[in-house]
C-alpha atoms as a PDB file:
ATOM      1  CA  MET A   1      12.466 -10.279  -5.949  1.00  0.00           C
ATOM      2  CA  GLU A   2      13.365  -7.173  -7.881  1.00  0.00           C
ATOM      3  CA  ILE A   3      10.488  -4.764  -8.374  1.00  0.00           C
ATOM      4  CA  ILE A   4      11.045  -1.837 -10.707  1.00  0.00           C
ATOM      5  CA  LYS A   5       8.855   1.249 -10.414  1.00  0.00           C
ATOM      6  CA  LYS A   6       8.590   3.906 -13.078  1.00  0.00           C
ATOM      7  CA  GLY A   7       5.870   6.558 -13.183  1.00  0.00           C
ATOM      8  CA  ASN A   8       2.545   4.792 -12.827  1.00  0.00           C
ATOM      9  CA  MET A   9       3.954   1.298 -13.456  1.00  0.00           C
ATOM     10  CA  ILE A  10       5.693  -1.470 -11.555  1.00  0.00           C
ATOM     11  CA  SER A  11       7.306  -4.482 -13.173  1.00  0.00           C
ATOM     12  CA  PHE A  12       8.470  -7.849 -11.837  1.00  0.00           C
ATOM     13  CA  ASN A  13       8.698 -11.413 -13.162  1.00  0.00           C
ATOM     14  CA  GLY A  14       8.335 -10.051 -16.702  1.00  0.00           C
ATOM     15  CA  LYS A  15       4.946  -8.497 -15.858  1.00  0.00           C
ATOM     16  CA  GLN A  16       4.047  -4.819 -16.004  1.00  0.00           C
ATOM     17  CA  ILE A  17       1.253  -3.500 -13.810  1.00  0.00           C
ATOM     18  CA  MET A  18      -0.176  -0.075 -14.658  1.00  0.00           C
ATOM     19  CA  PHE A  19      -2.014   2.155 -12.180  1.00  0.00           C
ATOM     20  CA  GLU A  20      -4.103   5.287 -12.643  1.00  0.00           C
ATOM     21  CA  ASN A  21      -1.737   7.184 -10.317  1.00  0.00           C
ATOM     22  CA  ASN A  22       2.021   7.380  -9.908  1.00  0.00           C
ATOM     23  CA  VAL A  23       3.770   4.757  -7.820  1.00  0.00           C
ATOM     24  CA  ASP A  24       5.413   6.409  -4.820  1.00  0.00           C
ATOM     25  CA  THR A  25       6.527   3.496  -2.617  1.00  0.00           C
ATOM     26  CA  VAL A  26       6.631  -0.283  -2.991  1.00  0.00           C
ATOM     27  CA  VAL A  27       7.277  -2.733  -0.164  1.00  0.00           C
ATOM     28  CA  SER A  28       7.590  -6.426  -0.886  1.00  0.00           C
ATOM     29  CA  PHE A  29       6.568  -9.440   1.144  1.00  0.00           C
ATOM     30  CA  SER A  30       6.716 -13.145   0.347  1.00  0.00           C
ATOM     31  CA  ASN A  31       3.293 -13.402  -1.334  1.00  0.00           C
ATOM     32  CA  TYR A  32       2.736  -9.899  -2.676  1.00  0.00           C
ATOM     33  CA  CYS A  33       3.909  -6.317  -2.769  1.00  0.00           C
ATOM     34  CA  ILE A  34       2.134  -3.262  -1.395  1.00  0.00           C
ATOM     35  CA  VAL A  35       2.031  -0.087  -3.440  1.00  0.00           C
ATOM     36  CA  LEU A  36       1.448   3.529  -2.321  1.00  0.00           C
ATOM     37  CA  LEU A  37      -0.026   5.565  -5.178  1.00  0.00           C
ATOM     38  CA  MET A  38       0.360   9.344  -5.299  1.00  0.00           C
ATOM     39  CA  ASN A  39      -0.315  12.331  -7.523  1.00  0.00           C
ATOM     40  CA  ASP A  40      -0.297  16.085  -6.900  1.00  0.00           C
ATOM     41  CA  ASP A  41      -3.800  15.560  -5.499  1.00  0.00           C
ATOM     42  CA  ILE A  42      -3.489  12.526  -3.236  1.00  0.00           C
ATOM     43  CA  PRO A  43      -6.072   9.920  -4.286  1.00  0.00           C
ATOM     44  CA  ASP A  44      -8.336   8.269  -1.710  1.00  0.00           C
ATOM     45  CA  ASN A  45      -7.651   4.685  -0.601  1.00  0.00           C
ATOM     46  CA  ASN A  46      -4.310   4.848  -2.417  1.00  0.00           C
ATOM     47  CA  VAL A  47      -2.655   1.696  -1.025  1.00  0.00           C
ATOM     48  CA  GLU A  48      -3.020  -1.616  -2.879  1.00  0.00           C
ATOM     49  CA  ALA A  49      -1.564  -5.111  -2.598  1.00  0.00           C
ATOM     50  CA  ILE A  50      -0.591  -6.875  -5.823  1.00  0.00           C
ATOM     51  CA  ASP A  51       0.460 -10.528  -5.946  1.00  0.00           C
ATOM     52  CA  TYR A  52       3.402 -11.669  -8.037  1.00  0.00           C
ATOM     53  CA  ASN A  53       1.064 -12.906 -10.778  1.00  0.00           C
ATOM     54  CA  GLY A  54      -0.119  -9.312 -11.232  1.00  0.00           C
ATOM     55  CA  ASN A  55      -3.492  -9.705  -9.483  1.00  0.00           C
ATOM     56  CA  LYS A  56      -4.918  -7.173  -7.062  1.00  0.00           C
ATOM     57  CA  VAL A  57      -5.170  -8.805  -3.619  1.00  0.00           C
ATOM     58  CA  TRP A  58      -6.753  -5.972  -1.635  1.00  0.00           C
ATOM     59  CA  ASN A  59      -7.210  -2.230  -1.303  1.00  0.00           C
ATOM     60  CA  ILE A  60      -6.464  -0.507   2.013  1.00  0.00           C
ATOM     61  CA  SER A  61     -10.173   0.356   2.415  1.00  0.00           C
ATOM     62  CA  GLN A  62     -10.848  -3.369   2.906  1.00  0.00           C
ATOM     63  CA  ILE A  63      -8.522  -3.437   5.943  1.00  0.00           C
ATOM     64  CA  VAL A  64      -8.785   0.046   7.463  1.00  0.00           C
ATOM     65  CA  LYS A  65     -12.561   0.359   7.560  1.00  0.00           C
ATOM     66  CA  LEU A  66     -13.451   4.010   7.921  1.00  0.00           C
ATOM     67  CA  THR A  67     -16.797   5.681   7.268  1.00  0.00           C
ATOM     68  CA  TYR A  68     -15.146   7.964   4.699  1.00  0.00           C
ATOM     69  CA  PRO A  69     -12.524   7.536   1.965  1.00  0.00           C
ATOM     70  CA  GLU A  70      -9.031   8.336   3.278  1.00  0.00           C
ATOM     71  CA  ALA A  71      -5.771   9.273   1.566  1.00  0.00           C
ATOM     72  CA  TYR A  72      -2.456   7.895   2.803  1.00  0.00           C
ATOM     73  CA  ILE A  73       0.847   9.762   2.660  1.00  0.00           C
ATOM     74  CA  SER A  74       3.429   7.150   3.635  1.00  0.00           C
ATOM     75  CA  LEU A  75       4.042   3.410   3.549  1.00  0.00           C
ATOM     76  CA  ARG A  76       6.783   1.550   5.421  1.00  0.00           C
ATOM     77  CA  LYS A  77       7.667  -2.097   6.041  1.00  0.00           C
ATOM     78  CA  GLU A  78       7.755  -2.770   9.783  1.00  0.00           C
ATOM     79  CA  SER A  79       8.720  -6.474   9.780  1.00  0.00           C
ATOM     80  CA  GLU A  80       8.462  -9.563   7.590  1.00  0.00           C
ATOM     81  CA  ILE A  81       4.748  -9.737   8.402  1.00  0.00           C
ATOM     82  CA  SER A  82       3.706  -6.127   8.968  1.00  0.00           C
ATOM     83  CA  PHE A  83       3.698  -2.680   7.422  1.00  0.00           C
ATOM     84  CA  SER A  84       2.494   0.753   8.410  1.00  0.00           C
ATOM     85  CA  VAL A  85       0.648   3.512   6.603  1.00  0.00           C
ATOM     86  CA  VAL A  86       0.062   7.085   7.730  1.00  0.00           C
ATOM     87  CA  SER A  87      -3.191   8.720   6.732  1.00  0.00           C
ATOM     88  CA  TYR A  88      -3.517  12.283   5.505  1.00  0.00           C
ATOM     89  CA  ASN A  89      -5.201  13.051   8.839  1.00  0.00           C
ATOM     90  CA  GLY A  90      -2.133  11.877  10.773  1.00  0.00           C
ATOM     91  CA  VAL A  91      -3.153   8.430  11.966  1.00  0.00           C
ATOM     92  CA  GLU A  92      -0.607   5.626  11.640  1.00  0.00           C
ATOM     93  CA  PHE A  93      -2.004   2.126  11.157  1.00  0.00           C
ATOM     94  CA  VAL A  94       0.237  -0.938  11.589  1.00  0.00           C
ATOM     95  CA  ILE A  95      -1.178  -3.895   9.668  1.00  0.00           C
ATOM     96  CA  ASP A  96      -0.413  -7.613   9.930  1.00  0.00           C
ATOM     97  CA  ILE A  97      -0.301  -9.100   6.420  1.00  0.00           C
ATOM     98  CA  THR A  98      -1.086 -12.632   7.611  1.00  0.00           C
ATOM     99  CA  THR A  99      -4.419 -11.635   9.158  1.00  0.00           C
ATOM    100  CA  GLN A 100      -4.988  -8.436   7.159  1.00  0.00           C
ATOM    101  CA  GLN A 101      -5.917  -6.711  10.412  1.00  0.00           C
ATOM    102  CA  VAL A 102      -4.882  -3.433  12.040  1.00  0.00           C
ATOM    103  CA  ILE A 103      -2.684  -4.405  14.999  1.00  0.00           C
ATOM    104  CA  LYS A 104      -1.742  -0.927  16.194  1.00  0.00           C
ATOM    105  CA  LYS A 105      -2.998   2.623  15.737  1.00  0.00           C
ATOM    106  CA  ASN A 106      -1.122   5.818  16.645  1.00  0.00           C
ATOM    107  CA  ILE A 107      -1.877   9.524  16.276  1.00  0.00           C
ATOM    108  CA  THR A 108       1.151  11.180  14.621  1.00  0.00           C
ATOM    109  CA  LYS A 109       0.035  14.830  14.618  1.00  0.00           C
END
């Protein structure tokens, strides 16, 4: 599936999804895509999954359960069923999309 990103918008299947922040990175999976949102000031909990009907599936705060809001600085597809995010504080979380669970955690700093 082709996903086009421009500013604070992504488009696919004739749908346009607008976000409050700019779209930095998009990784696609079979059921949905995951979007990293950025601005000059990095927003908290700035990773979201959007299905191909344009519905929000989850926010990263529902998977990585911290006691404080966290900003993420990178997003990368690891496999057909997993992706990784790196937090502003330097922690990498690898997440399984089938279970929506953290399967690995590394300190990067």
